[in-house]
């Protein structure tokens, strides 16, 4: 199994998907799981030669989730925790 997958959750079920599939899964109700895959923090080089950590993948997925919920791109200075906080606030305001 690939090491650079993003863990997602829905209705108590979790799965790991390729980063290119995160937005499609989010449209179907899946959310990026706060639990990082077991390989979190390890560097991978099977993505075109660039070194990227699982934390980078989580940040990219959180940014995509923010954009899907809020409708605009997030500030790139925000970390995953800040993005999740803003996503939760936006969802609470939509209800």
PDB file of N, CA and C in Angstrom:
ATOM      1  N   UNK A   1       0.846  -1.174   0.000  1.00  0.00           N
ATOM      2  CA  UNK A   1       0.000   0.000   0.000  1.00  0.00           C
ATOM      3  C   UNK A   1       0.892   1.238   0.000  1.00  0.00           C
ATOM      4  N   UNK A   2       0.466   2.284  -0.688  1.00  0.00           N
ATOM      5  CA  UNK A   2       1.256   3.504  -0.776  1.00  0.00           C
ATOM      6  C   UNK A   2       1.350   4.203   0.567  1.00  0.00           C
ATOM      7  N   UNK A   3       2.464   4.898   0.775  1.00  0.00           N
ATOM      8  CA  UNK A   3       2.680   5.579   2.041  1.00  0.00           C
ATOM      9  C   UNK A   3       2.112   6.989   2.069  1.00  0.00           C
ATOM     10  N   UNK A   4       1.811   7.594   0.944  1.00  0.00           N
ATOM     11  CA  UNK A   4       1.377   8.979   0.916  1.00  0.00           C
ATOM     12  C   UNK A   4      -0.133   9.139   0.782  1.00  0.00           C
ATOM     13  N   UNK A   5      -0.888   8.190   1.303  1.00  0.00           N
ATOM     14  CA  UNK A   5      -2.336   8.249   1.233  1.00  0.00           C
ATOM     15  C   UNK A   5      -2.897   9.149   2.325  1.00  0.00           C
ATOM     16  N   UNK A   6      -4.089   9.678   2.095  1.00  0.00           N
ATOM     17  CA  UNK A   6      -4.766  10.547   3.052  1.00  0.00           C
ATOM     18  C   UNK A   6      -5.882   9.743   3.704  1.00  0.00           C
ATOM     19  N   UNK A   7      -5.910   9.739   5.023  1.00  0.00           N
ATOM     20  CA  UNK A   7      -6.942   9.007   5.761  1.00  0.00           C
ATOM     21  C   UNK A   7      -8.212   9.849   5.795  1.00  0.00           C
ATOM     22  N   UNK A   8      -9.346   9.213   5.473  1.00  0.00           N
ATOM     23  CA  UNK A   8     -10.632   9.899   5.470  1.00  0.00           C
ATOM     24  C   UNK A   8     -11.628   9.080   6.278  1.00  0.00           C
ATOM     25  N   UNK A   9     -12.655   9.756   6.795  1.00  0.00           N
ATOM     26  CA  UNK A   9     -13.647   9.084   7.630  1.00  0.00           C
ATOM     27  C   UNK A   9     -15.058   9.529   7.250  1.00  0.00           C
ATOM     28  N   UNK A  10     -16.002   8.586   7.423  1.00  0.00           N
ATOM     29  CA  UNK A  10     -17.425   8.871   7.191  1.00  0.00           C
ATOM     30  C   UNK A  10     -18.235   7.836   7.944  1.00  0.00           C
ATOM     31  N   UNK A  11     -19.137   8.283   8.784  1.00  0.00           N
ATOM     32  CA  UNK A  11     -20.033   7.392   9.519  1.00  0.00           C
ATOM     33  C   UNK A  11     -19.291   6.282  10.267  1.00  0.00           C
ATOM     34  N   UNK A  12     -18.168   6.623  10.893  1.00  0.00           N
ATOM     35  CA  UNK A  12     -17.410   5.659  11.672  1.00  0.00           C
ATOM     36  C   UNK A  12     -16.499   4.753  10.867  1.00  0.00           C
ATOM     37  N   UNK A  13     -16.485   4.920   9.567  1.00  0.00           N
ATOM     38  CA  UNK A  13     -15.630   4.122   8.701  1.00  0.00           C
ATOM     39  C   UNK A  13     -14.461   4.979   8.237  1.00  0.00           C
ATOM     40  N   UNK A  14     -13.269   4.415   8.231  1.00  0.00           N
ATOM     41  CA  UNK A  14     -12.112   5.146   7.727  1.00  0.00           C
ATOM     42  C   UNK A  14     -11.516   4.402   6.545  1.00  0.00           C
ATOM     43  N   UNK A  15     -10.885   5.157   5.680  1.00  0.00           N
ATOM     44  CA  UNK A  15     -10.173   4.579   4.558  1.00  0.00           C
ATOM     45  C   UNK A  15      -9.053   5.526   4.180  1.00  0.00           C
ATOM     46  N   UNK A  16      -8.118   5.033   3.394  1.00  0.00           N
ATOM     47  CA  UNK A  16      -7.017   5.847   2.930  1.00  0.00           C
ATOM     48  C   UNK A  16      -7.131   5.970   1.425  1.00  0.00           C
ATOM     49  N   UNK A  17      -7.076   7.214   0.939  1.00  0.00           N
ATOM     50  CA  UNK A  17      -7.231   7.465  -0.487  1.00  0.00           C
ATOM     51  C   UNK A  17      -6.030   8.241  -1.014  1.00  0.00           C
ATOM     52  N   UNK A  18      -5.831   8.161  -2.297  1.00  0.00           N
ATOM     53  CA  UNK A  18      -4.767   8.926  -2.939  1.00  0.00           C
ATOM     54  C   UNK A  18      -5.134  10.408  -2.848  1.00  0.00           C
ATOM     55  N   UNK A  19      -4.154  11.281  -2.649  1.00  0.00           N
ATOM     56  CA  UNK A  19      -4.444  12.710  -2.510  1.00  0.00           C
ATOM     57  C   UNK A  19      -5.266  13.298  -3.663  1.00  0.00           C
ATOM     58  N   UNK A  20      -5.125  12.758  -4.861  1.00  0.00           N
ATOM     59  CA  UNK A  20      -5.892  13.281  -5.992  1.00  0.00           C
ATOM     60  C   UNK A  20      -7.387  12.951  -5.888  1.00  0.00           C
ATOM     61  N   UNK A  21      -7.752  12.048  -4.988  1.00  0.00           N
ATOM     62  CA  UNK A  21      -9.152  11.633  -4.826  1.00  0.00           C
ATOM     63  C   UNK A  21      -9.848  12.290  -3.643  1.00  0.00           C
ATOM     64  N   UNK A  22      -9.129  13.108  -2.873  1.00  0.00           N
ATOM     65  CA  UNK A  22      -9.688  13.681  -1.647  1.00  0.00           C
ATOM     66  C   UNK A  22     -10.920  14.531  -1.933  1.00  0.00           C
ATOM     67  N   UNK A  23     -10.841  15.422  -2.901  1.00  0.00           N
ATOM     68  CA  UNK A  23     -11.960  16.329  -3.178  1.00  0.00           C
ATOM     69  C   UNK A  23     -13.201  15.546  -3.604  1.00  0.00           C
ATOM     70  N   UNK A  24     -13.013  14.527  -4.436  1.00  0.00           N
ATOM     71  CA  UNK A  24     -14.161  13.716  -4.857  1.00  0.00           C
ATOM     72  C   UNK A  24     -14.807  13.015  -3.668  1.00  0.00           C
ATOM     73  N   UNK A  25     -13.995  12.494  -2.756  1.00  0.00           N
ATOM     74  CA  UNK A  25     -14.539  11.845  -1.564  1.00  0.00           C
ATOM     75  C   UNK A  25     -15.259  12.858  -0.669  1.00  0.00           C
ATOM     76  N   UNK A  26     -14.714  14.065  -0.579  1.00  0.00           N
ATOM     77  CA  UNK A  26     -15.361  15.095   0.239  1.00  0.00           C
ATOM     78  C   UNK A  26     -16.733  15.437  -0.318  1.00  0.00           C
ATOM     79  N   UNK A  27     -16.860  15.458  -1.609  1.00  0.00           N
ATOM     80  CA  UNK A  27     -18.160  15.734  -2.231  1.00  0.00           C
ATOM     81  C   UNK A  27     -19.177  14.649  -1.888  1.00  0.00           C
ATOM     82  N   UNK A  28     -18.677  13.461  -1.567  1.00  0.00           N
ATOM     83  CA  UNK A  28     -19.553  12.339  -1.205  1.00  0.00           C
ATOM     84  C   UNK A  28     -19.754  12.222   0.298  1.00  0.00           C
ATOM     85  N   UNK A  29     -19.282  13.224   1.050  1.00  0.00           N
ATOM     86  CA  UNK A  29     -19.526  13.240   2.481  1.00  0.00           C
ATOM     87  C   UNK A  29     -18.375  12.761   3.343  1.00  0.00           C
ATOM     88  N   UNK A  30     -17.269  12.383   2.756  1.00  0.00           N
ATOM     89  CA  UNK A  30     -16.102  11.952   3.526  1.00  0.00           C
ATOM     90  C   UNK A  30     -15.348  13.178   4.017  1.00  0.00           C
ATOM     91  N   UNK A  31     -14.676  13.066   5.151  1.00  0.00           N
ATOM     92  CA  UNK A  31     -13.873  14.160   5.698  1.00  0.00           C
ATOM     93  C   UNK A  31     -12.481  13.631   6.002  1.00  0.00           C
ATOM     94  N   UNK A  32     -11.499  14.517   5.900  1.00  0.00           N
ATOM     95  CA  UNK A  32     -10.139  14.137   6.237  1.00  0.00           C
ATOM     96  C   UNK A  32     -10.105  13.823   7.725  1.00  0.00           C
ATOM     97  N   UNK A  33      -9.590  12.659   8.058  1.00  0.00           N
ATOM     98  CA  UNK A  33      -9.550  12.208   9.441  1.00  0.00           C
ATOM     99  C   UNK A  33      -8.413  12.880  10.194  1.00  0.00           C
ATOM    100  N   UNK A  34      -8.652  13.267  11.460  1.00  0.00           N
ATOM    101  CA  UNK A  34      -7.578  13.890  12.225  1.00  0.00           C
ATOM    102  C   UNK A  34      -6.459  12.923  12.549  1.00  0.00           C
ATOM    103  N   UNK A  35      -6.720  11.626  12.456  1.00  0.00           N
ATOM    104  CA  UNK A  35      -5.686  10.641  12.703  1.00  0.00           C
ATOM    105  C   UNK A  35      -4.875  10.460  11.433  1.00  0.00           C
ATOM    106  N   UNK A  36      -3.582  10.733  11.538  1.00  0.00           N
ATOM    107  CA  UNK A  36      -2.709  10.578  10.388  1.00  0.00           C
ATOM    108  C   UNK A  36      -2.427   9.102  10.152  1.00  0.00           C
ATOM    109  N   UNK A  37      -2.177   8.718   8.916  1.00  0.00           N
ATOM    110  CA  UNK A  37      -1.796   7.331   8.656  1.00  0.00           C
ATOM    111  C   UNK A  37      -0.540   6.975   9.441  1.00  0.00           C
ATOM    112  N   UNK A  38      -0.287   5.687   9.623  1.00  0.00           N
ATOM    113  CA  UNK A  38       0.847   5.243  10.411  1.00  0.00           C
ATOM    114  C   UNK A  38       2.163   5.764   9.883  1.00  0.00           C
ATOM    115  N   UNK A  39       2.232   6.121   8.615  1.00  0.00           N
ATOM    116  CA  UNK A  39       3.468   6.602   8.025  1.00  0.00           C
ATOM    117  C   UNK A  39       3.635   8.111   8.179  1.00  0.00           C
ATOM    118  N   UNK A  40       2.810   8.754   9.012  1.00  0.00           N
ATOM    119  CA  UNK A  40       2.863  10.208   9.165  1.00  0.00           C
ATOM    120  C   UNK A  40       4.268  10.658   9.551  1.00  0.00           C
ATOM    121  N   UNK A  41       4.713  11.699   8.883  1.00  0.00           N
ATOM    122  CA  UNK A  41       6.012  12.264   9.192  1.00  0.00           C
ATOM    123  C   UNK A  41       7.136  11.657   8.375  1.00  0.00           C
ATOM    124  N   UNK A  42       6.920  10.523   7.743  1.00  0.00           N
ATOM    125  CA  UNK A  42       7.951   9.928   6.924  1.00  0.00           C
ATOM    126  C   UNK A  42       7.955  10.601   5.567  1.00  0.00           C
ATOM    127  N   UNK A  43       9.126  10.774   5.019  1.00  0.00           N
ATOM    128  CA  UNK A  43       9.209  11.380   3.707  1.00  0.00           C
ATOM    129  C   UNK A  43       9.033  10.331   2.637  1.00  0.00           C
ATOM    130  N   UNK A  44       8.346  10.726   1.577  1.00  0.00           N
ATOM    131  CA  UNK A  44       8.167   9.829   0.453  1.00  0.00           C
ATOM    132  C   UNK A  44       8.750  10.501  -0.780  1.00  0.00           C
ATOM    133  N   UNK A  45       9.213   9.698  -1.711  1.00  0.00           N
ATOM    134  CA  UNK A  45       9.793  10.260  -2.924  1.00  0.00           C
ATOM    135  C   UNK A  45       9.158   9.680  -4.171  1.00  0.00           C
ATOM    136  N   UNK A  46       8.023   9.004  -4.038  1.00  0.00           N
ATOM    137  CA  UNK A  46       7.384   8.421  -5.203  1.00  0.00           C
ATOM    138  C   UNK A  46       6.354   9.357  -5.817  1.00  0.00           C
ATOM    139  N   UNK A  47       6.500  10.652  -5.597  1.00  0.00           N
ATOM    140  CA  UNK A  47       5.576  11.636  -6.161  1.00  0.00           C
ATOM    141  C   UNK A  47       6.320  12.590  -7.080  1.00  0.00           C
ATOM    142  N   UNK A  48       7.028  12.033  -8.018  1.00  0.00           N
ATOM    143  CA  UNK A  48       7.728  12.855  -8.988  1.00  0.00           C
ATOM    144  C   UNK A  48       9.077  13.328  -8.504  1.00  0.00           C
ATOM    145  N   UNK A  49       9.615  12.743  -7.452  1.00  0.00           N
ATOM    146  CA  UNK A  49      10.939  13.099  -6.996  1.00  0.00           C
ATOM    147  C   UNK A  49      10.984  14.138  -5.898  1.00  0.00           C
ATOM    148  N   UNK A  50       9.861  14.808  -5.606  1.00  0.00           N
ATOM    149  CA  UNK A  50       9.876  15.811  -4.542  1.00  0.00           C
ATOM    150  C   UNK A  50       9.624  15.132  -3.208  1.00  0.00           C
ATOM    151  N   UNK A  51      10.286  15.615  -2.167  1.00  0.00           N
ATOM    152  CA  UNK A  51      10.088  15.059  -0.833  1.00  0.00           C
ATOM    153  C   UNK A  51       8.882  15.722  -0.204  1.00  0.00           C
ATOM    154  N   UNK A  52       7.915  14.920   0.182  1.00  0.00           N
ATOM    155  CA  UNK A  52       6.703  15.453   0.785  1.00  0.00           C
ATOM    156  C   UNK A  52       6.292  14.543   1.931  1.00  0.00           C
ATOM    157  N   UNK A  53       5.945  15.123   3.046  1.00  0.00           N
ATOM    158  CA  UNK A  53       5.575  14.319   4.194  1.00  0.00           C
ATOM    159  C   UNK A  53       4.072  14.088   4.215  1.00  0.00           C
ATOM    160  N   UNK A  54       3.648  13.153   5.043  1.00  0.00           N
ATOM    161  CA  UNK A  54       2.220  12.898   5.201  1.00  0.00           C
ATOM    162  C   UNK A  54       1.538  14.137   5.776  1.00  0.00           C
ATOM    163  N   UNK A  55       2.266  14.917   6.597  1.00  0.00           N
ATOM    164  CA  UNK A  55       1.706  16.154   7.127  1.00  0.00           C
ATOM    165  C   UNK A  55       1.386  17.133   6.000  1.00  0.00           C
ATOM    166  N   UNK A  56       2.223  17.162   4.975  1.00  0.00           N
ATOM    167  CA  UNK A  56       1.949  18.010   3.818  1.00  0.00           C
ATOM    168  C   UNK A  56       0.677  17.569   3.109  1.00  0.00           C
ATOM    169  N   UNK A  57       0.475  16.256   3.033  1.00  0.00           N
ATOM    170  CA  UNK A  57      -0.734  15.731   2.404  1.00  0.00           C
ATOM    171  C   UNK A  57      -1.974  16.118   3.211  1.00  0.00           C
ATOM    172  N   UNK A  58      -1.870  16.049   4.538  1.00  0.00           N
ATOM    173  CA  UNK A  58      -2.995  16.443   5.387  1.00  0.00           C
ATOM    174  C   UNK A  58      -3.306  17.925   5.223  1.00  0.00           C
ATOM    175  N   UNK A  59      -2.260  18.740   5.119  1.00  0.00           N
ATOM    176  CA  UNK A  59      -2.467  20.173   4.920  1.00  0.00           C
ATOM    177  C   UNK A  59      -3.142  20.427   3.578  1.00  0.00           C
ATOM    178  N   UNK A  60      -2.687  19.737   2.550  1.00  0.00           N
ATOM    179  CA  UNK A  60      -3.294  19.911   1.228  1.00  0.00           C
ATOM    180  C   UNK A  60      -4.769  19.491   1.262  1.00  0.00           C
ATOM    181  N   UNK A  61      -5.068  18.387   1.936  1.00  0.00           N
ATOM    182  CA  UNK A  61      -6.452  17.909   2.030  1.00  0.00           C
ATOM    183  C   UNK A  61      -7.308  18.874   2.850  1.00  0.00           C
ATOM    184  N   UNK A  62      -6.752  19.420   3.932  1.00  0.00           N
ATOM    185  CA  UNK A  62      -7.499  20.382   4.751  1.00  0.00           C
ATOM    186  C   UNK A  62      -7.792  21.646   3.950  1.00  0.00           C
ATOM    187  N   UNK A  63      -6.834  22.067   3.140  1.00  0.00           N
ATOM    188  CA  UNK A  63      -7.068  23.243   2.278  1.00  0.00           C
ATOM    189  C   UNK A  63      -8.175  22.968   1.270  1.00  0.00           C
ATOM    190  N   UNK A  64      -8.175  21.765   0.700  1.00  0.00           N
ATOM    191  CA  UNK A  64      -9.232  21.401  -0.248  1.00  0.00           C
ATOM    192  C   UNK A  64     -10.581  21.337   0.449  1.00  0.00           C
ATOM    193  N   UNK A  65     -10.606  20.816   1.670  1.00  0.00           N
ATOM    194  CA  UNK A  65     -11.846  20.745   2.443  1.00  0.00           C
ATOM    195  C   UNK A  65     -12.357  22.147   2.748  1.00  0.00           C
ATOM    196  N   UNK A  66     -11.457  23.055   3.141  1.00  0.00           N
ATOM    197  CA  UNK A  66     -11.831  24.440   3.424  1.00  0.00           C
ATOM    198  C   UNK A  66     -12.454  25.074   2.182  1.00  0.00           C
ATOM    199  N   UNK A  67     -11.800  24.876   1.042  1.00  0.00           N
ATOM    200  CA  UNK A  67     -12.311  25.473  -0.190  1.00  0.00           C
ATOM    201  C   UNK A  67     -13.685  24.917  -0.555  1.00  0.00           C
ATOM    202  N   UNK A  68     -13.892  23.621  -0.324  1.00  0.00           N
ATOM    203  CA  UNK A  68     -15.183  23.009  -0.624  1.00  0.00           C
ATOM    204  C   UNK A  68     -16.284  23.543   0.286  1.00  0.00           C
ATOM    205  N   UNK A  69     -15.959  23.771   1.565  1.00  0.00           N
ATOM    206  CA  UNK A  69     -16.963  24.221   2.531  1.00  0.00           C
ATOM    207  C   UNK A  69     -17.211  25.725   2.422  1.00  0.00           C
ATOM    208  N   UNK A  70     -16.146  26.504   2.356  1.00  0.00           N
ATOM    209  CA  UNK A  70     -16.255  27.960   2.398  1.00  0.00           C
ATOM    210  C   UNK A  70     -16.478  28.566   1.014  1.00  0.00           C
ATOM    211  N   UNK A  71     -15.942  27.911   0.002  1.00  0.00           N
ATOM    212  CA  UNK A  71     -16.120  28.421  -1.352  1.00  0.00           C
ATOM    213  C   UNK A  71     -15.015  29.344  -1.817  1.00  0.00           C
ATOM    214  N   UNK A  72     -13.946  29.432  -1.050  1.00  0.00           N
ATOM    215  CA  UNK A  72     -12.793  30.227  -1.487  1.00  0.00           C
ATOM    216  C   UNK A  72     -11.520  29.590  -0.955  1.00  0.00           C
ATOM    217  N   UNK A  73     -10.410  29.950  -1.563  1.00  0.00           N
ATOM    218  CA  UNK A  73      -9.128  29.367  -1.167  1.00  0.00           C
ATOM    219  C   UNK A  73      -8.702  29.893   0.201  1.00  0.00           C
ATOM    220  N   UNK A  74      -8.074  29.029   1.014  1.00  0.00           N
ATOM    221  CA  UNK A  74      -7.634  29.451   2.342  1.00  0.00           C
ATOM    222  C   UNK A  74      -6.338  30.244   2.296  1.00  0.00           C
ATOM    223  N   UNK A  75      -6.075  30.982   3.360  1.00  0.00           N
ATOM    224  CA  UNK A  75      -4.809  31.670   3.542  1.00  0.00           C
ATOM    225  C   UNK A  75      -3.736  30.601   3.733  1.00  0.00           C
ATOM    226  N   UNK A  76      -2.644  30.687   2.996  1.00  0.00           N
ATOM    227  CA  UNK A  76      -1.629  29.633   3.038  1.00  0.00           C
ATOM    228  C   UNK A  76      -0.785  29.637   4.306  1.00  0.00           C
ATOM    229  N   UNK A  77      -0.959  30.623   5.155  1.00  0.00           N
ATOM    230  CA  UNK A  77      -0.246  30.641   6.421  1.00  0.00           C
ATOM    231  C   UNK A  77      -0.934  29.821   7.499  1.00  0.00           C
ATOM    232  N   UNK A  78      -2.167  29.362   7.247  1.00  0.00           N
ATOM    233  CA  UNK A  78      -2.909  28.574   8.228  1.00  0.00           C
ATOM    234  C   UNK A  78      -2.410  27.141   8.234  1.00  0.00           C
ATOM    235  N   UNK A  79      -2.284  26.564   9.428  1.00  0.00           N
ATOM    236  CA  UNK A  79      -1.917  25.162   9.547  1.00  0.00           C
ATOM    237  C   UNK A  79      -3.186  24.313   9.563  1.00  0.00           C
ATOM    238  N   UNK A  80      -3.021  22.992   9.673  1.00  0.00           N
ATOM    239  CA  UNK A  80      -4.155  22.069   9.627  1.00  0.00           C
ATOM    240  C   UNK A  80      -5.149  22.362  10.758  1.00  0.00           C
ATOM    241  N   UNK A  81      -4.634  22.634  11.963  1.00  0.00           N
ATOM    242  CA  UNK A  81      -5.523  22.903  13.102  1.00  0.00           C
ATOM    243  C   UNK A  81      -6.372  24.154  12.857  1.00  0.00           C
ATOM    244  N   UNK A  82      -5.748  25.212  12.343  1.00  0.00           N
ATOM    245  CA  UNK A  82      -6.488  26.447  12.059  1.00  0.00           C
ATOM    246  C   UNK A  82      -7.535  26.219  10.976  1.00  0.00           C
ATOM    247  N   UNK A  83      -7.164  25.467   9.951  1.00  0.00           N
ATOM    248  CA  UNK A  83      -8.114  25.183   8.877  1.00  0.00           C
ATOM    249  C   UNK A  83      -9.314  24.391   9.394  1.00  0.00           C
ATOM    250  N   UNK A  84      -9.050  23.391  10.213  1.00  0.00           N
ATOM    251  CA  UNK A  84     -10.155  22.584  10.748  1.00  0.00           C
ATOM    252  C   UNK A  84     -11.062  23.416  11.642  1.00  0.00           C
ATOM    253  N   UNK A  85     -10.465  24.337  12.392  1.00  0.00           N
ATOM    254  CA  UNK A  85     -11.260  25.223  13.251  1.00  0.00           C
ATOM    255  C   UNK A  85     -12.167  26.099  12.405  1.00  0.00           C
ATOM    256  N   UNK A  86     -11.629  26.656  11.328  1.00  0.00           N
ATOM    257  CA  UNK A  86     -12.398  27.528  10.448  1.00  0.00           C
ATOM    258  C   UNK A  86     -13.465  26.740   9.677  1.00  0.00           C
ATOM    259  N   UNK A  87     -13.152  25.509   9.313  1.00  0.00           N
ATOM    260  CA  UNK A  87     -14.133  24.653   8.624  1.00  0.00           C
ATOM    261  C   UNK A  87     -15.295  24.352   9.557  1.00  0.00           C
ATOM    262  N   UNK A  88     -14.978  24.012  10.811  1.00  0.00           N
ATOM    263  CA  UNK A  88     -16.038  23.723  11.795  1.00  0.00           C
ATOM    264  C   UNK A  88     -16.906  24.940  12.015  1.00  0.00           C
ATOM    265  N   UNK A  89     -16.288  26.124  12.108  1.00  0.00           N
ATOM    266  CA  UNK A  89     -17.054  27.356  12.306  1.00  0.00           C
ATOM    267  C   UNK A  89     -17.948  27.630  11.107  1.00  0.00           C
ATOM    268  N   UNK A  90     -17.424  27.406   9.908  1.00  0.00           N
ATOM    269  CA  UNK A  90     -18.215  27.637   8.694  1.00  0.00           C
ATOM    270  C   UNK A  90     -19.390  26.669   8.622  1.00  0.00           C
ATOM    271  N   UNK A  91     -19.155  25.403   8.981  1.00  0.00           N
ATOM    272  CA  UNK A  91     -20.237  24.422   8.975  1.00  0.00           C
ATOM    273  C   UNK A  91     -21.293  24.753  10.019  1.00  0.00           C
ATOM    274  N   UNK A  92     -20.862  25.233  11.183  1.00  0.00           N
ATOM    275  CA  UNK A  92     -21.809  25.610  12.234  1.00  0.00           C
ATOM    276  C   UNK A  92     -22.658  26.790  11.789  1.00  0.00           C
ATOM    277  N   UNK A  93     -22.067  27.698  11.021  1.00  0.00           N
ATOM    278  CA  UNK A  93     -22.800  28.860  10.520  1.00  0.00           C
ATOM    279  C   UNK A  93     -23.758  28.523   9.400  1.00  0.00           C
ATOM    280  N   UNK A  94     -23.561  27.388   8.733  1.00  0.00           N
ATOM    281  CA  UNK A  94     -24.425  26.977   7.617  1.00  0.00           C
ATOM    282  C   UNK A  94     -25.689  26.293   8.098  1.00  0.00           C
ATOM    283  N   UNK A  95     -25.671  25.806   9.327  1.00  0.00           N
ATOM    284  CA  UNK A  95     -26.814  25.020   9.808  1.00  0.00           C
ATOM    285  C   UNK A  95     -27.933  25.890  10.271  1.00  0.00           C
TER     286      UNK A  95
END
